[in-house]
Every structure is written in C-alpha cells, then in structure tokens.
Amino acid sequence: MSTQNTILIVDDDPQFRKTLSDILKVKGYVPLAVATGVEALDRIEAETPAVALIDIRLDDISGLDLMKEIKARYPAACFDPGRPPCRRRVDGARTAPGRI
C-alpha cells in the first residue's frame, strides 16, 4: 500500500473519527482511524502513514506523550502545530505547554 496519501487519525471520539475519515476519503486520502495511542503506535508500525492527526486528550495516553513516543521510535518524525504564527516544525518532546 502506498503511504504517500495515508493519514492516521487518532481520536477517542468515534463520531469525529468517522466524519473526518469520510471527508478525507472524498478528498482522495486513505484514512486510518484509531481510538487510542497504543492502536496508533501499532498502525504506524504496520502502515507508516504520511501524516498523523492526533487528539491531545486520549483515553490511554496524552497526545503529547504519544508524539514523544513516536519521536523516540522514529527520530525523523517532525511535528507541526499548524497554527499561525507558529507554522514551523517542532519536536513534540520539547513543545512548550499551550503551543500544540
């Protein structure tokens, strides 16, 4: 499977995951939706998505801790808070509170 257009959605809200997955499918992406950080790590290992959209508040691990774990396992991974004026890559392990 090509991972270039694959997007991992990590969110504990099933309706949000479904809605976002449906939108991404219409736009031509391949969504991979999971509810927990553990599931996210398993999917990343199996699928290697191009992008991950991670909820900050998950049931099993915080989104920030998940980003730290991803960074520890995959040092080339980078994180972008996506909010102006902070449109820059950041290391999830060094992100200041309130900056994600």
PDB file of N, CA and C in Angstrom:
ATOM      1  N   MET A   1       0.836  -1.191   0.000  1.00  0.00           N
ATOM      2  CA  MET A   1       0.000   0.000   0.000  1.00  0.00           C
ATOM      3  C   MET A   1       0.875   1.247   0.000  1.00  0.00           C
ATOM      4  N   SER A   2       0.548   2.172  -0.845  1.00  0.00           N
ATOM      5  CA  SER A   2       1.263   3.442  -0.868  1.00  0.00           C
ATOM      6  C   SER A   2       0.908   4.235   0.385  1.00  0.00           C
ATOM      7  N   THR A   3       1.917   4.790   1.041  1.00  0.00           N
ATOM      8  CA  THR A   3       1.661   5.550   2.258  1.00  0.00           C
ATOM      9  C   THR A   3       1.647   7.048   2.004  1.00  0.00           C
ATOM     10  N   GLN A   4       1.908   7.459   0.777  1.00  0.00           N
ATOM     11  CA  GLN A   4       2.020   8.874   0.464  1.00  0.00           C
ATOM     12  C   GLN A   4       0.733   9.645   0.746  1.00  0.00           C
ATOM     13  N   ASN A   5      -0.426   9.020   0.582  1.00  0.00           N
ATOM     14  CA  ASN A   5      -1.685   9.724   0.809  1.00  0.00           C
ATOM     15  C   ASN A   5      -2.447   9.165   2.008  1.00  0.00           C
ATOM     16  N   THR A   6      -1.728   8.475   2.905  1.00  0.00           N
ATOM     17  CA  THR A   6      -2.343   7.870   4.079  1.00  0.00           C
ATOM     18  C   THR A   6      -2.268   8.827   5.270  1.00  0.00           C
ATOM     19  N   ILE A   7      -3.410   8.999   5.942  1.00  0.00           N
ATOM     20  CA  ILE A   7      -3.480   9.894   7.102  1.00  0.00           C
ATOM     21  C   ILE A   7      -4.019   9.119   8.293  1.00  0.00           C
ATOM     22  N   LEU A   8      -3.252   9.085   9.361  1.00  0.00           N
ATOM     23  CA  LEU A   8      -3.670   8.442  10.595  1.00  0.00           C
ATOM     24  C   LEU A   8      -4.455   9.435  11.439  1.00  0.00           C
ATOM     25  N   ILE A   9      -5.645   9.029  11.864  1.00  0.00           N
ATOM     26  CA  ILE A   9      -6.486   9.849  12.736  1.00  0.00           C
ATOM     27  C   ILE A   9      -6.503   9.171  14.101  1.00  0.00           C
ATOM     28  N   VAL A  10      -6.057   9.883  15.133  1.00  0.00           N
ATOM     29  CA  VAL A  10      -6.032   9.332  16.481  1.00  0.00           C
ATOM     30  C   VAL A  10      -6.950  10.190  17.344  1.00  0.00           C
ATOM     31  N   ASP A  11      -8.134   9.667  17.633  1.00  0.00           N
ATOM     32  CA  ASP A  11      -9.113  10.415  18.418  1.00  0.00           C
ATOM     33  C   ASP A  11     -10.047   9.435  19.103  1.00  0.00           C
ATOM     34  N   ASP A  12     -10.372   9.697  20.365  1.00  0.00           N
ATOM     35  CA  ASP A  12     -11.239   8.791  21.110  1.00  0.00           C
ATOM     36  C   ASP A  12     -12.731   9.004  20.835  1.00  0.00           C
ATOM     37  N   ASP A  13     -13.074   9.993  20.063  1.00  0.00           N
ATOM     38  CA  ASP A  13     -14.475  10.263  19.711  1.00  0.00           C
ATOM     39  C   ASP A  13     -14.817   9.527  18.413  1.00  0.00           C
ATOM     40  N   PRO A  14     -15.643   8.479  18.484  1.00  0.00           N
ATOM     41  CA  PRO A  14     -15.928   7.684  17.282  1.00  0.00           C
ATOM     42  C   PRO A  14     -16.622   8.476  16.173  1.00  0.00           C
ATOM     43  N   GLN A  15     -17.488   9.396  16.522  1.00  0.00           N
ATOM     44  CA  GLN A  15     -18.184  10.189  15.507  1.00  0.00           C
ATOM     45  C   GLN A  15     -17.210  11.121  14.787  1.00  0.00           C
ATOM     46  N   PHE A  16     -16.297  11.717  15.537  1.00  0.00           N
ATOM     47  CA  PHE A  16     -15.295  12.590  14.914  1.00  0.00           C
ATOM     48  C   PHE A  16     -14.414  11.784  13.963  1.00  0.00           C
ATOM     49  N   ARG A  17     -13.971  10.592  14.422  1.00  0.00           N
ATOM     50  CA  ARG A  17     -13.137   9.751  13.557  1.00  0.00           C
ATOM     51  C   ARG A  17     -13.862   9.417  12.263  1.00  0.00           C
ATOM     52  N   LYS A  18     -15.138   9.055  12.359  1.00  0.00           N
ATOM     53  CA  LYS A  18     -15.907   8.692  11.166  1.00  0.00           C
ATOM     54  C   LYS A  18     -16.085   9.887  10.239  1.00  0.00           C
ATOM     55  N   THR A  19     -16.459  11.029  10.809  1.00  0.00           N
ATOM     56  CA  THR A  19     -16.677  12.225   9.997  1.00  0.00           C
ATOM     57  C   THR A  19     -15.393  12.641   9.280  1.00  0.00           C
ATOM     58  N   LEU A  20     -14.307  12.705  10.021  1.00  0.00           N
ATOM     59  CA  LEU A  20     -13.036  13.103   9.412  1.00  0.00           C
ATOM     60  C   LEU A  20     -12.591  12.074   8.369  1.00  0.00           C
ATOM     61  N   SER A  21     -12.772  10.801   8.660  1.00  0.00           N
ATOM     62  CA  SER A  21     -12.434   9.751   7.690  1.00  0.00           C
ATOM     63  C   SER A  21     -13.230   9.915   6.404  1.00  0.00           C
ATOM     64  N   ASP A  22     -14.529  10.183   6.536  1.00  0.00           N
ATOM     65  CA  ASP A  22     -15.383  10.367   5.355  1.00  0.00           C
ATOM     66  C   ASP A  22     -14.922  11.556   4.516  1.00  0.00           C
ATOM     67  N   ILE A  23     -14.590  12.645   5.180  1.00  0.00           N
ATOM     68  CA  ILE A  23     -14.119  13.845   4.476  1.00  0.00           C
ATOM     69  C   ILE A  23     -12.814  13.556   3.743  1.00  0.00           C
ATOM     70  N   LEU A  24     -11.894  12.891   4.422  1.00  0.00           N
ATOM     71  CA  LEU A  24     -10.599  12.591   3.812  1.00  0.00           C
ATOM     72  C   LEU A  24     -10.737  11.646   2.625  1.00  0.00           C
ATOM     73  N   LYS A  25     -11.643  10.670   2.723  1.00  0.00           N
ATOM     74  CA  LYS A  25     -11.879   9.748   1.600  1.00  0.00           C
ATOM     75  C   LYS A  25     -12.359  10.503   0.368  1.00  0.00           C
ATOM     76  N   VAL A  26     -13.305  11.430   0.581  1.00  0.00           N
ATOM     77  CA  VAL A  26     -13.830  12.225  -0.539  1.00  0.00           C
ATOM     78  C   VAL A  26     -12.715  13.032  -1.199  1.00  0.00           C
ATOM     79  N   LYS A  27     -11.761  13.465  -0.394  1.00  0.00           N
ATOM     80  CA  LYS A  27     -10.645  14.272  -0.910  1.00  0.00           C
ATOM     81  C   LYS A  27      -9.532  13.419  -1.514  1.00  0.00           C
ATOM     82  N   GLY A  28      -9.702  12.093  -1.513  1.00  0.00           N
ATOM     83  CA  GLY A  28      -8.731  11.210  -2.138  1.00  0.00           C
ATOM     84  C   GLY A  28      -7.662  10.639  -1.226  1.00  0.00           C
ATOM     85  N   TYR A  29      -7.799  10.840   0.073  1.00  0.00           N
ATOM     86  CA  TYR A  29      -6.834  10.304   1.025  1.00  0.00           C
ATOM     87  C   TYR A  29      -7.287   8.942   1.534  1.00  0.00           C
ATOM     88  N   VAL A  30      -6.356   8.226   2.145  1.00  0.00           N
ATOM     89  CA  VAL A  30      -6.661   6.940   2.766  1.00  0.00           C
ATOM     90  C   VAL A  30      -6.567   7.132   4.280  1.00  0.00           C
ATOM     91  N   PRO A  31      -7.711   7.281   4.955  1.00  0.00           N
ATOM     92  CA  PRO A  31      -7.685   7.481   6.398  1.00  0.00           C
ATOM     93  C   PRO A  31      -7.505   6.165   7.150  1.00  0.00           C
ATOM     94  N   LEU A  32      -6.722   6.214   8.206  1.00  0.00           N
ATOM     95  CA  LEU A  32      -6.555   5.104   9.137  1.00  0.00           C
ATOM     96  C   LEU A  32      -6.991   5.643  10.495  1.00  0.00           C
ATOM     97  N   ALA A  33      -8.144   5.245  10.983  1.00  0.00           N
ATOM     98  CA  ALA A  33      -8.694   5.820  12.204  1.00  0.00           C
ATOM     99  C   ALA A  33      -8.556   4.857  13.379  1.00  0.00           C
ATOM    100  N   VAL A  34      -8.001   5.374  14.483  1.00  0.00           N
ATOM    101  CA  VAL A  34      -7.845   4.590  15.711  1.00  0.00           C
ATOM    102  C   VAL A  34      -8.275   5.434  16.908  1.00  0.00           C
ATOM    103  N   ALA A  35      -8.578   4.746  18.020  1.00  0.00           N
ATOM    104  CA  ALA A  35      -9.108   5.431  19.192  1.00  0.00           C
ATOM    105  C   ALA A  35      -8.082   5.673  20.295  1.00  0.00           C
ATOM    106  N   THR A  36      -6.968   4.948  20.282  1.00  0.00           N
ATOM    107  CA  THR A  36      -6.021   5.053  21.394  1.00  0.00           C
ATOM    108  C   THR A  36      -4.592   5.241  20.895  1.00  0.00           C
ATOM    109  N   GLY A  37      -3.740   5.650  21.825  1.00  0.00           N
ATOM    110  CA  GLY A  37      -2.333   5.794  21.499  1.00  0.00           C
ATOM    111  C   GLY A  37      -1.676   4.469  21.177  1.00  0.00           C
ATOM    112  N   VAL A  38      -2.049   3.414  21.893  1.00  0.00           N
ATOM    113  CA  VAL A  38      -1.494   2.084  21.626  1.00  0.00           C
ATOM    114  C   VAL A  38      -1.868   1.636  20.214  1.00  0.00           C
ATOM    115  N   GLU A  39      -3.120   1.826  19.836  1.00  0.00           N
ATOM    116  CA  GLU A  39      -3.546   1.487  18.474  1.00  0.00           C
ATOM    117  C   GLU A  39      -2.783   2.320  17.442  1.00  0.00           C
ATOM    118  N   ALA A  40      -2.550   3.579  17.762  1.00  0.00           N
ATOM    119  CA  ALA A  40      -1.818   4.462  16.839  1.00  0.00           C
ATOM    120  C   ALA A  40      -0.410   3.940  16.600  1.00  0.00           C
ATOM    121  N   LEU A  41       0.281   3.569  17.665  1.00  0.00           N
ATOM    122  CA  LEU A  41       1.641   3.053  17.514  1.00  0.00           C
ATOM    123  C   LEU A  41       1.655   1.767  16.695  1.00  0.00           C
ATOM    124  N   ASP A  42       0.663   0.904  16.916  1.00  0.00           N
ATOM    125  CA  ASP A  42       0.567  -0.333  16.125  1.00  0.00           C
ATOM    126  C   ASP A  42       0.339  -0.018  14.646  1.00  0.00           C
ATOM    127  N   ARG A  43      -0.559   0.930  14.356  1.00  0.00           N
ATOM    128  CA  ARG A  43      -0.849   1.285  12.958  1.00  0.00           C
ATOM    129  C   ARG A  43       0.341   1.940  12.286  1.00  0.00           C
ATOM    130  N   ILE A  44       1.048   2.793  13.019  1.00  0.00           N
ATOM    131  CA  ILE A  44       2.235   3.448  12.456  1.00  0.00           C
ATOM    132  C   ILE A  44       3.271   2.400  12.062  1.00  0.00           C
ATOM    133  N   GLU A  45       3.437   1.404  12.925  1.00  0.00           N
ATOM    134  CA  GLU A  45       4.394   0.335  12.628  1.00  0.00           C
ATOM    135  C   GLU A  45       3.972  -0.454  11.396  1.00  0.00           C
ATOM    136  N   ALA A  46       2.679  -0.720  11.268  1.00  0.00           N
ATOM    137  CA  ALA A  46       2.174  -1.547  10.166  1.00  0.00           C
ATOM    138  C   ALA A  46       2.009  -0.780   8.858  1.00  0.00           C
ATOM    139  N   GLU A  47       1.621   0.483   8.927  1.00  0.00           N
ATOM    140  CA  GLU A  47       1.214   1.228   7.729  1.00  0.00           C
ATOM    141  C   GLU A  47       2.144   2.368   7.331  1.00  0.00           C
ATOM    142  N   THR A  48       2.871   2.961   8.242  1.00  0.00           N
ATOM    143  CA  THR A  48       3.715   4.128   8.011  1.00  0.00           C
ATOM    144  C   THR A  48       2.955   5.255   7.295  1.00  0.00           C
ATOM    145  N   PRO A  49       1.993   5.865   7.981  1.00  0.00           N
ATOM    146  CA  PRO A  49       1.228   6.947   7.353  1.00  0.00           C
ATOM    147  C   PRO A  49       2.103   8.167   7.082  1.00  0.00           C
ATOM    148  N   ALA A  50       1.679   8.967   6.105  1.00  0.00           N
ATOM    149  CA  ALA A  50       2.404  10.194   5.769  1.00  0.00           C
ATOM    150  C   ALA A  50       2.176  11.278   6.816  1.00  0.00           C
ATOM    151  N   VAL A  51       0.969  11.281   7.391  1.00  0.00           N
ATOM    152  CA  VAL A  51       0.572  12.316   8.343  1.00  0.00           C
ATOM    153  C   VAL A  51      -0.242  11.663   9.449  1.00  0.00           C
ATOM    154  N   ALA A  52      -0.117  12.197  10.662  1.00  0.00           N
ATOM    155  CA  ALA A  52      -0.950  11.751  11.778  1.00  0.00           C
ATOM    156  C   ALA A  52      -1.625  12.973  12.396  1.00  0.00           C
ATOM    157  N   LEU A  53      -2.934  12.897  12.541  1.00  0.00           N
ATOM    158  CA  LEU A  53      -3.712  13.932  13.229  1.00  0.00           C
ATOM    159  C   LEU A  53      -4.037  13.371  14.606  1.00  0.00           C
ATOM    160  N   ILE A  54      -3.470  13.965  15.644  1.00  0.00           N
ATOM    161  CA  ILE A  54      -3.529  13.378  16.983  1.00  0.00           C
ATOM    162  C   ILE A  54      -4.278  14.291  17.946  1.00  0.00           C
ATOM    163  N   ASP A  55      -5.306  13.722  18.579  1.00  0.00           N
ATOM    164  CA  ASP A  55      -6.037  14.415  19.634  1.00  0.00           C
ATOM    165  C   ASP A  55      -5.110  14.553  20.846  1.00  0.00           C
ATOM    166  N   ILE A  56      -5.152  15.669  21.510  1.00  0.00           N
ATOM    167  CA  ILE A  56      -4.294  15.889  22.674  1.00  0.00           C
ATOM    168  C   ILE A  56      -4.766  15.073  23.870  1.00  0.00           C
ATOM    169  N   ARG A  57      -6.074  14.899  24.015  1.00  0.00           N
ATOM    170  CA  ARG A  57      -6.631  14.163  25.157  1.00  0.00           C
ATOM    171  C   ARG A  57      -7.185  12.821  24.690  1.00  0.00           C
ATOM    172  N   LEU A  58      -6.398  11.770  24.911  1.00  0.00           N
ATOM    173  CA  LEU A  58      -6.820  10.412  24.591  1.00  0.00           C
ATOM    174  C   LEU A  58      -7.080   9.660  25.896  1.00  0.00           C
ATOM    175  N   ASP A  59      -7.767   8.536  25.793  1.00  0.00           N
ATOM    176  CA  ASP A  59      -8.106   7.783  26.999  1.00  0.00           C
ATOM    177  C   ASP A  59      -6.905   7.102  27.654  1.00  0.00           C
ATOM    178  N   ASP A  60      -5.950   6.636  26.851  1.00  0.00           N
ATOM    179  CA  ASP A  60      -4.856   5.842  27.412  1.00  0.00           C
ATOM    180  C   ASP A  60      -3.539   6.602  27.579  1.00  0.00           C
ATOM    181  N   ILE A  61      -3.315   7.642  26.804  1.00  0.00           N
ATOM    182  CA  ILE A  61      -2.062   8.400  26.829  1.00  0.00           C
ATOM    183  C   ILE A  61      -2.373   9.792  26.260  1.00  0.00           C
ATOM    184  N   SER A  62      -1.668  10.786  26.730  1.00  0.00           N
ATOM    185  CA  SER A  62      -1.924  12.114  26.164  1.00  0.00           C
ATOM    186  C   SER A  62      -1.345  12.180  24.752  1.00  0.00           C
ATOM    187  N   GLY A  63      -1.924  13.029  23.938  1.00  0.00           N
ATOM    188  CA  GLY A  63      -1.412  13.206  22.590  1.00  0.00           C
ATOM    189  C   GLY A  63       0.038  13.669  22.581  1.00  0.00           C
ATOM    190  N   LEU A  64       0.401  14.486  23.564  1.00  0.00           N
ATOM    191  CA  LEU A  64       1.795  14.948  23.661  1.00  0.00           C
ATOM    192  C   LEU A  64       2.729  13.782  23.966  1.00  0.00           C
ATOM    193  N   ASP A  65       2.303  12.902  24.888  1.00  0.00           N
ATOM    194  CA  ASP A  65       3.127  11.736  25.196  1.00  0.00           C
ATOM    195  C   ASP A  65       3.209  10.792  23.996  1.00  0.00           C
ATOM    196  N   LEU A  66       2.121  10.689  23.257  1.00  0.00           N
ATOM    197  CA  LEU A  66       2.135   9.874  22.047  1.00  0.00           C
ATOM    198  C   LEU A  66       3.137  10.435  21.047  1.00  0.00           C
ATOM    199  N   MET A  67       3.151  11.749  20.864  1.00  0.00           N
ATOM    200  CA  MET A  67       4.117  12.361  19.950  1.00  0.00           C
ATOM    201  C   MET A  67       5.549  12.105  20.412  1.00  0.00           C
ATOM    202  N   LYS A  68       5.786  12.167  21.721  1.00  0.00           N
ATOM    203  CA  LYS A  68       7.121  11.881  22.250  1.00  0.00           C
ATOM    204  C   LYS A  68       7.525  10.442  21.936  1.00  0.00           C
ATOM    205  N   GLU A  69       6.580   9.517  22.093  1.00  0.00           N
ATOM    206  CA  GLU A  69       6.870   8.108  21.808  1.00  0.00           C
ATOM    207  C   GLU A  69       7.143   7.890  20.320  1.00  0.00           C
ATOM    208  N   ILE A  70       6.353   8.537  19.484  1.00  0.00           N
ATOM    209  CA  ILE A  70       6.596   8.445  18.036  1.00  0.00           C
ATOM    210  C   ILE A  70       7.985   8.977  17.713  1.00  0.00           C
ATOM    211  N   LYS A  71       8.337  10.107  18.298  1.00  0.00           N
ATOM    212  CA  LYS A  71       9.651  10.722  18.051  1.00  0.00           C
ATOM    213  C   LYS A  71      10.776   9.808  18.537  1.00  0.00           C
ATOM    214  N   ALA A  72      10.573   9.139  19.675  1.00  0.00           N
ATOM    215  CA  ALA A  72      11.586   8.220  20.204  1.00  0.00           C
ATOM    216  C   ALA A  72      11.782   7.021  19.280  1.00  0.00           C
ATOM    217  N   ARG A  73      10.676   6.522  18.717  1.00  0.00           N
ATOM    218  CA  ARG A  73      10.757   5.355  17.833  1.00  0.00           C
ATOM    219  C   ARG A  73      11.185   5.711  16.416  1.00  0.00           C
ATOM    220  N   TYR A  74      10.790   6.898  15.985  1.00  0.00           N
ATOM    221  CA  TYR A  74      11.061   7.334  14.608  1.00  0.00           C
ATOM    222  C   TYR A  74      11.669   8.734  14.647  1.00  0.00           C
ATOM    223  N   PRO A  75      12.974   8.827  14.883  1.00  0.00           N
ATOM    224  CA  PRO A  75      13.626  10.135  15.052  1.00  0.00           C
ATOM    225  C   PRO A  75      13.419  11.109  13.898  1.00  0.00           C
ATOM    226  N   ALA A  76      13.156  10.624  12.707  1.00  0.00           N
ATOM    227  CA  ALA A  76      12.954  11.519  11.563  1.00  0.00           C
ATOM    228  C   ALA A  76      11.583  12.187  11.584  1.00  0.00           C
ATOM    229  N   ALA A  77      10.689  11.742  12.467  1.00  0.00           N
ATOM    230  CA  ALA A  77       9.346  12.328  12.541  1.00  0.00           C
ATOM    231  C   ALA A  77       9.437  13.777  12.997  1.00  0.00           C
ATOM    232  N   CYS A  78       8.575  14.619  12.442  1.00  0.00           N
ATOM    233  CA  CYS A  78       8.528  16.011  12.880  1.00  0.00           C
ATOM    234  C   CYS A  78       7.074  16.385  13.150  1.00  0.00           C
ATOM    235  N   PHE A  79       6.888  17.400  13.938  1.00  0.00           N
ATOM    236  CA  PHE A  79       5.553  17.826  14.340  1.00  0.00           C
ATOM    237  C   PHE A  79       5.369  19.298  14.016  1.00  0.00           C
ATOM    238  N   ASP A  80       4.193  19.626  13.542  1.00  0.00           N
ATOM    239  CA  ASP A  80       3.855  20.993  13.169  1.00  0.00           C
ATOM    240  C   ASP A  80       2.553  21.356  13.861  1.00  0.00           C
ATOM    241  N   PRO A  81       2.588  22.349  14.741  1.00  0.00           N
ATOM    242  CA  PRO A  81       1.348  22.715  15.436  1.00  0.00           C
ATOM    243  C   PRO A  81       0.296  23.289  14.501  1.00  0.00           C
ATOM    244  N   GLY A  82       0.711  23.732  13.329  1.00  0.00           N
ATOM    245  CA  GLY A  82      -0.231  24.170  12.307  1.00  0.00           C
ATOM    246  C   GLY A  82      -0.989  25.435  12.608  1.00  0.00           C
ATOM    247  N   ARG A  83      -0.603  26.168  13.633  1.00  0.00           N
ATOM    248  CA  ARG A  83      -1.306  27.394  13.968  1.00  0.00           C
ATOM    249  C   ARG A  83      -0.416  28.598  13.722  1.00  0.00           C
ATOM    250  N   PRO A  84      -0.870  29.524  12.921  1.00  0.00           N
ATOM    251  CA  PRO A  84      -0.097  30.756  12.739  1.00  0.00           C
ATOM    252  C   PRO A  84       0.027  31.478  14.079  1.00  0.00           C
ATOM    253  N   PRO A  85       1.071  32.153  14.401  1.00  0.00           N
ATOM    254  CA  PRO A  85       2.263  32.345  13.577  1.00  0.00           C
ATOM    255  C   PRO A  85       3.297  31.240  13.769  1.00  0.00           C
ATOM    256  N   CYS A  86       2.914  30.140  14.341  1.00  0.00           N
ATOM    257  CA  CYS A  86       3.857  29.065  14.673  1.00  0.00           C
ATOM    258  C   CYS A  86       3.938  28.007  13.590  1.00  0.00           C
ATOM    259  N   ARG A  87       3.876  28.382  12.328  1.00  0.00           N
ATOM    260  CA  ARG A  87       3.962  27.421  11.229  1.00  0.00           C
ATOM    261  C   ARG A  87       5.409  26.985  11.056  1.00  0.00           C
ATOM    262  N   ARG A  88       5.864  26.180  11.972  1.00  0.00           N
ATOM    263  CA  ARG A  88       7.219  25.658  11.896  1.00  0.00           C
ATOM    264  C   ARG A  88       7.208  24.250  12.479  1.00  0.00           C
ATOM    265  N   ARG A  89       8.212  23.484  12.137  1.00  0.00           N
ATOM    266  CA  ARG A  89       8.321  22.138  12.679  1.00  0.00           C
ATOM    267  C   ARG A  89       8.797  22.227  14.120  1.00  0.00           C
ATOM    268  N   VAL A  90       8.203  21.395  14.965  1.00  0.00           N
ATOM    269  CA  VAL A  90       8.610  21.378  16.364  1.00  0.00           C
ATOM    270  C   VAL A  90       8.837  19.943  16.797  1.00  0.00           C
ATOM    271  N   ASP A  91       9.686  19.772  17.771  1.00  0.00           N
ATOM    272  CA  ASP A  91       9.926  18.477  18.374  1.00  0.00           C
ATOM    273  C   ASP A  91       8.877  18.314  19.461  1.00  0.00           C
ATOM    274  N   GLY A  92       8.017  17.320  19.335  1.00  0.00           N
ATOM    275  CA  GLY A  92       6.944  17.100  20.302  1.00  0.00           C
ATOM    276  C   GLY A  92       7.443  16.982  21.733  1.00  0.00           C
ATOM    277  N   ALA A  93       8.655  16.471  21.915  1.00  0.00           N
ATOM    278  CA  ALA A  93       9.197  16.308  23.253  1.00  0.00           C
ATOM    279  C   ALA A  93       9.599  17.641  23.871  1.00  0.00           C
ATOM    280  N   ARG A  94       9.765  18.661  23.048  1.00  0.00           N
ATOM    281  CA  ARG A  94      10.236  19.954  23.564  1.00  0.00           C
ATOM    282  C   ARG A  94       9.199  21.060  23.378  1.00  0.00           C
ATOM    283  N   THR A  95       7.983  20.702  23.083  1.00  0.00           N
ATOM    284  CA  THR A  95       6.953  21.693  22.832  1.00  0.00           C
ATOM    285  C   THR A  95       6.510  22.321  24.154  1.00  0.00           C
ATOM    286  N   ALA A  96       6.468  23.615  24.206  1.00  0.00           N
ATOM    287  CA  ALA A  96       6.040  24.312  25.407  1.00  0.00           C
ATOM    288  C   ALA A  96       4.547  24.123  25.610  1.00  0.00           C
ATOM    289  N   PRO A  97       4.077  24.095  26.866  1.00  0.00           N
ATOM    290  CA  PRO A  97       2.648  23.972  27.118  1.00  0.00           C
ATOM    291  C   PRO A  97       1.870  25.039  26.366  1.00  0.00           C
ATOM    292  N   GLY A  98       0.749  24.633  25.784  1.00  0.00           N
ATOM    293  CA  GLY A  98      -0.094  25.575  25.057  1.00  0.00           C
ATOM    294  C   GLY A  98       0.365  25.880  23.646  1.00  0.00           C
ATOM    295  N   ARG A  99       1.432  25.223  23.181  1.00  0.00           N
ATOM    296  CA  ARG A  99       1.979  25.523  21.856  1.00  0.00           C
ATOM    297  C   ARG A  99       1.588  24.481  20.810  1.00  0.00           C
ATOM    298  N   ILE A 100       0.807  23.499  21.171  1.00  0.00           N
ATOM    299  CA  ILE A 100       0.400  22.468  20.201  1.00  0.00           C
ATOM    300  C   ILE A 100      -0.960  22.813  19.662  1.00  0.00           C
TER     301      ILE A 100
END
